Amino acid sequence: MKNWLLLSAMLLANSVLAADLPAQGKSMASVLKQFGAPVQKTGPVGRPPITRWVYNDFTVVFEYKHVVHSMTVKHEGAAPASTTAPASTSGKGEASLSVEVK
């Protein structure tokens, strides 16, 4: 019973967080108006052009000038050195990052 309550609370918390993220299809201008300037911007890269805006607690991915995906960033403290590899450049201004998920 305790596990069901915990699971329900976690699902509810995640649905509340998802409601606070920019919705798919929203324009860059409306995201900027609602959430302000991002901490970091990347892109546009590739075809179709993909741009990422990084905020403190979430990241928004745009295709052309519309949201295709929004995701939260989980802050659980510093990860142990053995679980992540340093970012390495793969050429032409791109970077890759290897992460081990437990």
PDB file of N, CA and C in Angstrom:
ATOM      1  N   MET A   1       0.828  -1.194   0.000  1.00  0.00           N
ATOM      2  CA  MET A   1       0.000   0.000   0.000  1.00  0.00           C
ATOM      3  C   MET A   1       0.870   1.254   0.000  1.00  0.00           C
ATOM      4  N   LYS A   2       1.926   1.230   0.796  1.00  0.00           N
ATOM      5  CA  LYS A   2       2.814   2.382   0.891  1.00  0.00           C
ATOM      6  C   LYS A   2       3.469   2.664  -0.467  1.00  0.00           C
ATOM      7  N   ASN A   3       3.828   1.587  -1.195  1.00  0.00           N
ATOM      8  CA  ASN A   3       4.453   1.763  -2.513  1.00  0.00           C
ATOM      9  C   ASN A   3       3.487   2.410  -3.500  1.00  0.00           C
ATOM     10  N   TRP A   4       2.214   2.044  -3.443  1.00  0.00           N
ATOM     11  CA  TRP A   4       1.226   2.632  -4.347  1.00  0.00           C
ATOM     12  C   TRP A   4       1.051   4.123  -4.071  1.00  0.00           C
ATOM     13  N   LEU A   5       1.053   4.495  -2.800  1.00  0.00           N
ATOM     14  CA  LEU A   5       0.934   5.908  -2.454  1.00  0.00           C
ATOM     15  C   LEU A   5       2.145   6.699  -2.951  1.00  0.00           C
ATOM     16  N   LEU A   6       3.319   6.116  -2.783  1.00  0.00           N
ATOM     17  CA  LEU A   6       4.544   6.769  -3.233  1.00  0.00           C
ATOM     18  C   LEU A   6       4.544   6.917  -4.747  1.00  0.00           C
ATOM     19  N   LEU A   7       4.167   5.866  -5.447  1.00  0.00           N
ATOM     20  CA  LEU A   7       4.113   5.909  -6.900  1.00  0.00           C
ATOM     21  C   LEU A   7       3.107   6.954  -7.374  1.00  0.00           C
ATOM     22  N   SER A   8       1.950   7.007  -6.763  1.00  0.00           N
ATOM     23  CA  SER A   8       0.933   7.993  -7.135  1.00  0.00           C
ATOM     24  C   SER A   8       1.434   9.413  -6.909  1.00  0.00           C
ATOM     25  N   ALA A   9       2.101   9.634  -5.792  1.00  0.00           N
ATOM     26  CA  ALA A   9       2.634  10.969  -5.492  1.00  0.00           C
ATOM     27  C   ALA A   9       3.701  11.370  -6.506  1.00  0.00           C
ATOM     28  N   MET A  10       4.549  10.424  -6.904  1.00  0.00           N
ATOM     29  CA  MET A  10       5.593  10.712  -7.883  1.00  0.00           C
ATOM     30  C   MET A  10       4.992  11.045  -9.247  1.00  0.00           C
ATOM     31  N   LEU A  11       3.995  10.293  -9.661  1.00  0.00           N
ATOM     32  CA  LEU A  11       3.348  10.555 -10.939  1.00  0.00           C
ATOM     33  C   LEU A  11       2.658  11.911 -10.940  1.00  0.00           C
ATOM     34  N   LEU A  12       2.017  12.245  -9.845  1.00  0.00           N
ATOM     35  CA  LEU A  12       1.354  13.533  -9.741  1.00  0.00           C
ATOM     36  C   LEU A  12       2.372  14.671  -9.785  1.00  0.00           C
ATOM     37  N   ALA A  13       3.483  14.516  -9.098  1.00  0.00           N
ATOM     38  CA  ALA A  13       4.523  15.541  -9.098  1.00  0.00           C
ATOM     39  C   ALA A  13       5.084  15.728 -10.501  1.00  0.00           C
ATOM     40  N   ASN A  14       5.313  14.639 -11.225  1.00  0.00           N
ATOM     41  CA  ASN A  14       5.836  14.744 -12.585  1.00  0.00           C
ATOM     42  C   ASN A  14       4.823  15.394 -13.521  1.00  0.00           C
ATOM     43  N   SER A  15       3.541  15.124 -13.342  1.00  0.00           N
ATOM     44  CA  SER A  15       2.546  15.732 -14.218  1.00  0.00           C
ATOM     45  C   SER A  15       2.437  17.231 -13.956  1.00  0.00           C
ATOM     46  N   VAL A  16       2.632  17.649 -12.719  1.00  0.00           N
ATOM     47  CA  VAL A  16       2.613  19.074 -12.411  1.00  0.00           C
ATOM     48  C   VAL A  16       3.814  19.747 -13.056  1.00  0.00           C
ATOM     49  N   LEU A  17       4.987  19.128 -12.990  1.00  0.00           N
ATOM     50  CA  LEU A  17       6.173  19.696 -13.606  1.00  0.00           C
ATOM     51  C   LEU A  17       6.008  19.781 -15.116  1.00  0.00           C
ATOM     52  N   ALA A  18       5.455  18.751 -15.729  1.00  0.00           N
ATOM     53  CA  ALA A  18       5.266  18.745 -17.173  1.00  0.00           C
ATOM     54  C   ALA A  18       4.328  19.864 -17.608  1.00  0.00           C
ATOM     55  N   ALA A  19       3.348  20.192 -16.791  1.00  0.00           N
ATOM     56  CA  ALA A  19       2.408  21.258 -17.126  1.00  0.00           C
ATOM     57  C   ALA A  19       3.096  22.618 -17.111  1.00  0.00           C
ATOM     58  N   ASP A  20       4.206  22.751 -16.386  1.00  0.00           N
ATOM     59  CA  ASP A  20       4.922  24.021 -16.297  1.00  0.00           C
ATOM     60  C   ASP A  20       5.958  24.200 -17.402  1.00  0.00           C
ATOM     61  N   LEU A  21       6.117  23.210 -18.263  1.00  0.00           N
ATOM     62  CA  LEU A  21       7.085  23.288 -19.351  1.00  0.00           C
ATOM     63  C   LEU A  21       6.425  23.835 -20.614  1.00  0.00           C
ATOM     64  N   PRO A  22       7.215  24.415 -21.510  1.00  0.00           N
ATOM     65  CA  PRO A  22       6.648  24.882 -22.780  1.00  0.00           C
ATOM     66  C   PRO A  22       6.043  23.720 -23.562  1.00  0.00           C
ATOM     67  N   ALA A  23       4.857  23.926 -24.085  1.00  0.00           N
ATOM     68  CA  ALA A  23       4.146  22.879 -24.821  1.00  0.00           C
ATOM     69  C   ALA A  23       4.697  22.731 -26.231  1.00  0.00           C
ATOM     70  N   GLN A  24       4.567  21.517 -26.762  1.00  0.00           N
ATOM     71  CA  GLN A  24       4.979  21.245 -28.132  1.00  0.00           C
ATOM     72  C   GLN A  24       4.219  22.164 -29.090  1.00  0.00           C
ATOM     73  N   GLY A  25       4.930  22.741 -30.055  1.00  0.00           N
ATOM     74  CA  GLY A  25       4.319  23.631 -31.029  1.00  0.00           C
ATOM     75  C   GLY A  25       4.384  25.105 -30.668  1.00  0.00           C
ATOM     76  N   LYS A  26       4.738  25.404 -29.429  1.00  0.00           N
ATOM     77  CA  LYS A  26       4.827  26.803 -28.989  1.00  0.00           C
ATOM     78  C   LYS A  26       5.989  27.491 -29.711  1.00  0.00           C
ATOM     79  N   SER A  27       5.818  28.770 -30.007  1.00  0.00           N
ATOM     80  CA  SER A  27       6.868  29.510 -30.725  1.00  0.00           C
ATOM     81  C   SER A  27       7.981  29.951 -29.777  1.00  0.00           C
ATOM     82  N   MET A  28       9.138  30.259 -30.366  1.00  0.00           N
ATOM     83  CA  MET A  28      10.264  30.773 -29.579  1.00  0.00           C
ATOM     84  C   MET A  28       9.867  32.065 -28.873  1.00  0.00           C
ATOM     85  N   ALA A  29       9.130  32.920 -29.578  1.00  0.00           N
ATOM     86  CA  ALA A  29       8.727  34.209 -29.000  1.00  0.00           C
ATOM     87  C   ALA A  29       7.847  34.003 -27.770  1.00  0.00           C
ATOM     88  N   SER A  30       6.917  33.042 -27.813  1.00  0.00           N
ATOM     89  CA  SER A  30       6.040  32.834 -26.662  1.00  0.00           C
ATOM     90  C   SER A  30       6.780  32.179 -25.498  1.00  0.00           C
ATOM     91  N   VAL A  31       7.763  31.315 -25.795  1.00  0.00           N
ATOM     92  CA  VAL A  31       8.584  30.724 -24.729  1.00  0.00           C
ATOM     93  C   VAL A  31       9.412  31.820 -24.069  1.00  0.00           C
ATOM     94  N   LEU A  32      10.001  32.695 -24.871  1.00  0.00           N
ATOM     95  CA  LEU A  32      10.789  33.804 -24.342  1.00  0.00           C
ATOM     96  C   LEU A  32       9.935  34.722 -23.478  1.00  0.00           C
ATOM     97  N   LYS A  33       8.719  34.994 -23.918  1.00  0.00           N
ATOM     98  CA  LYS A  33       7.818  35.865 -23.164  1.00  0.00           C
ATOM     99  C   LYS A  33       7.400  35.229 -21.832  1.00  0.00           C
ATOM    100  N   GLN A  34       7.101  33.919 -21.852  1.00  0.00           N
ATOM    101  CA  GLN A  34       6.619  33.245 -20.642  1.00  0.00           C
ATOM    102  C   GLN A  34       7.739  32.923 -19.650  1.00  0.00           C
ATOM    103  N   PHE A  35       8.905  32.480 -20.145  1.00  0.00           N
ATOM    104  CA  PHE A  35       9.962  31.988 -19.257  1.00  0.00           C
ATOM    105  C   PHE A  35      11.182  32.889 -19.185  1.00  0.00           C
ATOM    106  N   GLY A  36      11.246  33.906 -20.018  1.00  0.00           N
ATOM    107  CA  GLY A  36      12.401  34.797 -20.011  1.00  0.00           C
ATOM    108  C   GLY A  36      13.550  34.227 -20.818  1.00  0.00           C
ATOM    109  N   ALA A  37      14.681  34.917 -20.748  1.00  0.00           N
ATOM    110  CA  ALA A  37      15.868  34.511 -21.508  1.00  0.00           C
ATOM    111  C   ALA A  37      16.476  33.241 -20.912  1.00  0.00           C
ATOM    112  N   PRO A  38      16.903  32.316 -21.759  1.00  0.00           N
ATOM    113  CA  PRO A  38      17.551  31.098 -21.253  1.00  0.00           C
ATOM    114  C   PRO A  38      18.957  31.397 -20.749  1.00  0.00           C
ATOM    115  N   VAL A  39      19.478  30.486 -19.953  1.00  0.00           N
ATOM    116  CA  VAL A  39      20.842  30.596 -19.438  1.00  0.00           C
ATOM    117  C   VAL A  39      21.836  30.370 -20.570  1.00  0.00           C
ATOM    118  N   GLN A  40      21.469  29.480 -21.511  1.00  0.00           N
ATOM    119  CA  GLN A  40      22.353  29.141 -22.622  1.00  0.00           C
ATOM    120  C   GLN A  40      21.514  28.815 -23.851  1.00  0.00           C
ATOM    121  N   LYS A  41      22.019  29.175 -25.023  1.00  0.00           N
ATOM    122  CA  LYS A  41      21.380  28.833 -26.296  1.00  0.00           C
ATOM    123  C   LYS A  41      22.390  28.087 -27.158  1.00  0.00           C
ATOM    124  N   THR A  42      21.930  27.061 -27.878  1.00  0.00           N
ATOM    125  CA  THR A  42      22.778  26.359 -28.844  1.00  0.00           C
ATOM    126  C   THR A  42      22.075  26.321 -30.185  1.00  0.00           C
ATOM    127  N   GLY A  43      22.836  26.100 -31.230  1.00  0.00           N
ATOM    128  CA  GLY A  43      22.240  25.904 -32.545  1.00  0.00           C
ATOM    129  C   GLY A  43      22.096  27.187 -33.319  1.00  0.00           C
ATOM    130  N   PRO A  44      21.389  27.188 -34.399  1.00  0.00           N
ATOM    131  CA  PRO A  44      20.743  26.022 -35.014  1.00  0.00           C
ATOM    132  C   PRO A  44      21.766  25.084 -35.650  1.00  0.00           C
ATOM    133  N   VAL A  45      21.476  23.783 -35.551  1.00  0.00           N
ATOM    134  CA  VAL A  45      22.370  22.757 -36.070  1.00  0.00           C
ATOM    135  C   VAL A  45      21.564  21.807 -36.938  1.00  0.00           C
ATOM    136  N   GLY A  46      22.116  21.440 -38.091  1.00  0.00           N
ATOM    137  CA  GLY A  46      21.527  20.413 -38.945  1.00  0.00           C
ATOM    138  C   GLY A  46      20.358  20.875 -39.791  1.00  0.00           C
ATOM    139  N   ARG A  47      19.741  19.895 -40.446  1.00  0.00           N
ATOM    140  CA  ARG A  47      18.555  20.120 -41.280  1.00  0.00           C
ATOM    141  C   ARG A  47      17.528  19.091 -40.913  1.00  0.00           C
ATOM    142  N   PRO A  48      16.372  19.432 -40.429  1.00  0.00           N
ATOM    143  CA  PRO A  48      15.930  20.782 -40.121  1.00  0.00           C
ATOM    144  C   PRO A  48      16.757  21.367 -38.972  1.00  0.00           C
ATOM    145  N   PRO A  49      16.831  22.693 -38.910  1.00  0.00           N
ATOM    146  CA  PRO A  49      17.652  23.322 -37.865  1.00  0.00           C
ATOM    147  C   PRO A  49      17.085  23.067 -36.468  1.00  0.00           C
ATOM    148  N   ILE A  50      17.925  22.528 -35.592  1.00  0.00           N
ATOM    149  CA  ILE A  50      17.542  22.234 -34.211  1.00  0.00           C
ATOM    150  C   ILE A  50      18.282  23.198 -33.291  1.00  0.00           C
ATOM    151  N   THR A  51      17.536  23.857 -32.431  1.00  0.00           N
ATOM    152  CA  THR A  51      18.082  24.810 -31.470  1.00  0.00           C
ATOM    153  C   THR A  51      17.677  24.365 -30.074  1.00  0.00           C
ATOM    154  N   ARG A  52      18.587  24.510 -29.106  1.00  0.00           N
ATOM    155  CA  ARG A  52      18.280  24.175 -27.710  1.00  0.00           C
ATOM    156  C   ARG A  52      18.422  25.408 -26.855  1.00  0.00           C
ATOM    157  N   TRP A  53      17.444  25.620 -25.988  1.00  0.00           N
ATOM    158  CA  TRP A  53      17.520  26.663 -24.976  1.00  0.00           C
ATOM    159  C   TRP A  53      17.584  25.967 -23.627  1.00  0.00           C
ATOM    160  N   VAL A  54      18.602  26.300 -22.851  1.00  0.00           N
ATOM    161  CA  VAL A  54      18.801  25.680 -21.539  1.00  0.00           C
ATOM    162  C   VAL A  54      18.439  26.687 -20.455  1.00  0.00           C
ATOM    163  N   TYR A  55      17.509  26.309 -19.598  1.00  0.00           N
ATOM    164  CA  TYR A  55      17.125  27.091 -18.423  1.00  0.00           C
ATOM    165  C   TYR A  55      17.681  26.372 -17.198  1.00  0.00           C
ATOM    166  N   ASN A  56      17.537  26.949 -16.014  1.00  0.00           N
ATOM    167  CA  ASN A  56      18.068  26.328 -14.794  1.00  0.00           C
ATOM    168  C   ASN A  56      17.468  24.949 -14.524  1.00  0.00           C
ATOM    169  N   ASP A  57      16.166  24.781 -14.734  1.00  0.00           N
ATOM    170  CA  ASP A  57      15.511  23.525 -14.367  1.00  0.00           C
ATOM    171  C   ASP A  57      14.950  22.734 -15.539  1.00  0.00           C
ATOM    172  N   PHE A  58      15.083  23.249 -16.745  1.00  0.00           N
ATOM    173  CA  PHE A  58      14.575  22.515 -17.899  1.00  0.00           C
ATOM    174  C   PHE A  58      15.282  22.959 -19.169  1.00  0.00           C
ATOM    175  N   THR A  59      15.124  22.156 -20.220  1.00  0.00           N
ATOM    176  CA  THR A  59      15.688  22.444 -21.529  1.00  0.00           C
ATOM    177  C   THR A  59      14.572  22.354 -22.558  1.00  0.00           C
ATOM    178  N   VAL A  60      14.601  23.246 -23.535  1.00  0.00           N
ATOM    179  CA  VAL A  60      13.600  23.264 -24.595  1.00  0.00           C
ATOM    180  C   VAL A  60      14.315  23.050 -25.928  1.00  0.00           C
ATOM    181  N   VAL A  61      13.796  22.126 -26.733  1.00  0.00           N
ATOM    182  CA  VAL A  61      14.364  21.839 -28.047  1.00  0.00           C
ATOM    183  C   VAL A  61      13.400  22.354 -29.107  1.00  0.00           C
ATOM    184  N   PHE A  62      13.929  23.158 -30.027  1.00  0.00           N
ATOM    185  CA  PHE A  62      13.127  23.732 -31.100  1.00  0.00           C
ATOM    186  C   PHE A  62      13.534  23.146 -32.443  1.00  0.00           C
ATOM    187  N   GLU A  63      12.563  22.948 -33.312  1.00  0.00           N
ATOM    188  CA  GLU A  63      12.819  22.655 -34.716  1.00  0.00           C
ATOM    189  C   GLU A  63      12.302  23.867 -35.469  1.00  0.00           C
ATOM    190  N   TYR A  64      13.161  24.483 -36.268  1.00  0.00           N
ATOM    191  CA  TYR A  64      12.877  25.802 -36.843  1.00  0.00           C
ATOM    192  C   TYR A  64      12.601  26.754 -35.675  1.00  0.00           C
ATOM    193  N   LYS A  65      11.412  27.259 -35.497  1.00  0.00           N
ATOM    194  CA  LYS A  65      11.125  28.204 -34.408  1.00  0.00           C
ATOM    195  C   LYS A  65      10.004  27.721 -33.506  1.00  0.00           C
ATOM    196  N   HIS A  66       9.791  26.385 -33.458  1.00  0.00           N
ATOM    197  CA  HIS A  66       8.712  25.834 -32.632  1.00  0.00           C
ATOM    198  C   HIS A  66       9.215  24.697 -31.743  1.00  0.00           C
ATOM    199  N   VAL A  67       8.637  24.594 -30.563  1.00  0.00           N
ATOM    200  CA  VAL A  67       9.030  23.571 -29.581  1.00  0.00           C
ATOM    201  C   VAL A  67       8.692  22.181 -30.114  1.00  0.00           C
ATOM    202  N   VAL A  68       9.680  21.289 -30.071  1.00  0.00           N
ATOM    203  CA  VAL A  68       9.424  19.885 -30.377  1.00  0.00           C
ATOM    204  C   VAL A  68       9.534  19.015 -29.124  1.00  0.00           C
ATOM    205  N   HIS A  69      10.267  19.529 -28.099  1.00  0.00           N
ATOM    206  CA  HIS A  69      10.409  18.750 -26.863  1.00  0.00           C
ATOM    207  C   HIS A  69      10.868  19.653 -25.727  1.00  0.00           C
ATOM    208  N   SER A  70      10.332  19.413 -24.542  1.00  0.00           N
ATOM    209  CA  SER A  70      10.775  20.093 -23.320  1.00  0.00           C
ATOM    210  C   SER A  70      11.060  19.024 -22.279  1.00  0.00           C
ATOM    211  N   MET A  71      12.132  19.195 -21.524  1.00  0.00           N
ATOM    212  CA  MET A  71      12.481  18.195 -20.512  1.00  0.00           C
ATOM    213  C   MET A  71      13.015  18.868 -19.263  1.00  0.00           C
ATOM    214  N   THR A  72      12.714  18.273 -18.131  1.00  0.00           N
ATOM    215  CA  THR A  72      13.216  18.818 -16.875  1.00  0.00           C
ATOM    216  C   THR A  72      14.635  18.333 -16.631  1.00  0.00           C
ATOM    217  N   VAL A  73      15.358  19.084 -15.830  1.00  0.00           N
ATOM    218  CA  VAL A  73      16.711  18.734 -15.443  1.00  0.00           C
ATOM    219  C   VAL A  73      16.665  18.392 -13.967  1.00  0.00           C
ATOM    220  N   LYS A  74      17.123  17.220 -13.628  1.00  0.00           N
ATOM    221  CA  LYS A  74      17.077  16.761 -12.249  1.00  0.00           C
ATOM    222  C   LYS A  74      18.388  17.095 -11.560  1.00  0.00           C
ATOM    223  N   HIS A  75      18.316  17.806 -10.437  1.00  0.00           N
ATOM    224  CA  HIS A  75      19.502  18.157  -9.658  1.00  0.00           C
ATOM    225  C   HIS A  75      19.531  17.298  -8.408  1.00  0.00           C
ATOM    226  N   GLU A  76      20.416  16.298  -8.401  1.00  0.00           N
ATOM    227  CA  GLU A  76      20.524  15.413  -7.236  1.00  0.00           C
ATOM    228  C   GLU A  76      21.899  15.506  -6.609  1.00  0.00           C
ATOM    229  N   GLY A  77      22.570  16.602  -6.797  1.00  0.00           N
ATOM    230  CA  GLY A  77      23.921  16.734  -6.264  1.00  0.00           C
ATOM    231  C   GLY A  77      24.924  16.287  -7.312  1.00  0.00           C
ATOM    232  N   ALA A  78      26.177  16.381  -6.954  1.00  0.00           N
ATOM    233  CA  ALA A  78      27.236  16.032  -7.896  1.00  0.00           C
ATOM    234  C   ALA A  78      27.293  14.533  -8.119  1.00  0.00           C
ATOM    235  N   ALA A  79      27.478  14.140  -9.356  1.00  0.00           N
ATOM    236  CA  ALA A  79      27.607  12.717  -9.688  1.00  0.00           C
ATOM    237  C   ALA A  79      29.025  12.263  -9.378  1.00  0.00           C
ATOM    238  N   PRO A  80      29.200  11.024  -8.945  1.00  0.00           N
ATOM    239  CA  PRO A  80      30.549  10.511  -8.710  1.00  0.00           C
ATOM    240  C   PRO A  80      31.361  10.556 -10.001  1.00  0.00           C
ATOM    241  N   ALA A  81      32.643  10.768  -9.864  1.00  0.00           N
ATOM    242  CA  ALA A  81      33.514  10.917 -11.025  1.00  0.00           C
ATOM    243  C   ALA A  81      33.480   9.708 -11.943  1.00  0.00           C
ATOM    244  N   SER A  82      33.225   8.508 -11.416  1.00  0.00           N
ATOM    245  CA  SER A  82      33.262   7.296 -12.232  1.00  0.00           C
ATOM    246  C   SER A  82      32.007   7.103 -13.081  1.00  0.00           C
ATOM    247  N   THR A  83      30.945   7.887 -12.862  1.00  0.00           N
ATOM    248  CA  THR A  83      29.700   7.641 -13.599  1.00  0.00           C
ATOM    249  C   THR A  83      29.575   8.475 -14.863  1.00  0.00           C
ATOM    250  N   THR A  84      30.397   9.486 -15.034  1.00  0.00           N
ATOM    251  CA  THR A  84      30.303  10.288 -16.252  1.00  0.00           C
ATOM    252  C   THR A  84      31.673  10.430 -16.875  1.00  0.00           C
ATOM    253  N   ALA A  85      31.674  10.548 -18.185  1.00  0.00           N
ATOM    254  CA  ALA A  85      32.914  10.796 -18.906  1.00  0.00           C
ATOM    255  C   ALA A  85      32.915  12.255 -19.327  1.00  0.00           C
ATOM    256  N   PRO A  86      34.063  12.852 -19.459  1.00  0.00           N
ATOM    257  CA  PRO A  86      34.104  14.251 -19.874  1.00  0.00           C
ATOM    258  C   PRO A  86      33.591  14.415 -21.297  1.00  0.00           C
ATOM    259  N   ALA A  87      33.071  15.596 -21.579  1.00  0.00           N
ATOM    260  CA  ALA A  87      32.583  15.871 -22.929  1.00  0.00           C
ATOM    261  C   ALA A  87      33.767  15.891 -23.877  1.00  0.00           C
ATOM    262  N   SER A  88      33.561  15.366 -25.075  1.00  0.00           N
ATOM    263  CA  SER A  88      34.614  15.392 -26.073  1.00  0.00           C
ATOM    264  C   SER A  88      34.049  15.975 -27.351  1.00  0.00           C
ATOM    265  N   THR A  89      34.875  16.714 -28.053  1.00  0.00           N
ATOM    266  CA  THR A  89      34.389  17.307 -29.287  1.00  0.00           C
ATOM    267  C   THR A  89      34.447  16.277 -30.394  1.00  0.00           C
ATOM    268  N   SER A  90      33.415  16.281 -31.238  1.00  0.00           N
ATOM    269  CA  SER A  90      33.368  15.335 -32.337  1.00  0.00           C
ATOM    270  C   SER A  90      33.583  16.024 -33.675  1.00  0.00           C
ATOM    271  N   GLY A  91      33.878  17.328 -33.644  1.00  0.00           N
ATOM    272  CA  GLY A  91      34.171  18.059 -34.870  1.00  0.00           C
ATOM    273  C   GLY A  91      33.058  19.016 -35.248  1.00  0.00           C
ATOM    274  N   LYS A  92      33.428  20.047 -35.990  1.00  0.00           N
ATOM    275  CA  LYS A  92      32.490  21.041 -36.501  1.00  0.00           C
ATOM    276  C   LYS A  92      31.615  21.658 -35.417  1.00  0.00           C
ATOM    277  N   GLY A  93      32.169  21.958 -34.248  1.00  0.00           N
ATOM    278  CA  GLY A  93      31.428  22.644 -33.206  1.00  0.00           C
ATOM    279  C   GLY A  93      30.433  21.775 -32.470  1.00  0.00           C
ATOM    280  N   GLU A  94      30.487  20.477 -32.647  1.00  0.00           N
ATOM    281  CA  GLU A  94      29.575  19.579 -31.963  1.00  0.00           C
ATOM    282  C   GLU A  94      30.299  18.904 -30.804  1.00  0.00           C
ATOM    283  N   ALA A  95      29.552  18.483 -29.799  1.00  0.00           N
ATOM    284  CA  ALA A  95      30.143  17.782 -28.665  1.00  0.00           C
ATOM    285  C   ALA A  95      29.307  16.565 -28.333  1.00  0.00           C
ATOM    286  N   SER A  96      29.928  15.569 -27.743  1.00  0.00           N
ATOM    287  CA  SER A  96      29.188  14.391 -27.294  1.00  0.00           C
ATOM    288  C   SER A  96      29.553  14.132 -25.850  1.00  0.00           C
ATOM    289  N   LEU A  97      28.657  13.476 -25.149  1.00  0.00           N
ATOM    290  CA  LEU A  97      28.856  13.185 -23.737  1.00  0.00           C
ATOM    291  C   LEU A  97      28.389  11.777 -23.464  1.00  0.00           C
ATOM    292  N   SER A  98      29.240  10.993 -22.822  1.00  0.00           N
ATOM    293  CA  SER A  98      28.874   9.624 -22.467  1.00  0.00           C
ATOM    294  C   SER A  98      28.471   9.602 -20.995  1.00  0.00           C
ATOM    295  N   VAL A  99      27.323   9.004 -20.708  1.00  0.00           N
ATOM    296  CA  VAL A  99      26.829   8.945 -19.341  1.00  0.00           C
ATOM    297  C   VAL A  99      26.401   7.522 -19.044  1.00  0.00           C
ATOM    298  N   GLU A 100      26.822   6.997 -17.918  1.00  0.00           N
ATOM    299  CA  GLU A 100      26.401   5.676 -17.478  1.00  0.00           C
ATOM    300  C   GLU A 100      25.187   5.837 -16.587  1.00  0.00           C
ATOM    301  N   VAL A 101      24.093   5.155 -16.932  1.00  0.00           N
ATOM    302  CA  VAL A 101      22.853   5.247 -16.177  1.00  0.00           C
ATOM    303  C   VAL A 101      22.719   4.001 -15.321  1.00  0.00           C
ATOM    304  N   LYS A 102      22.428   4.216 -14.043  1.00  0.00           N
ATOM    305  CA  LYS A 102      22.280   3.078 -13.122  1.00  0.00           C
ATOM    306  C   LYS A 102      20.826   2.728 -12.973  1.00  0.00           C
TER     307      LYS A 102
END
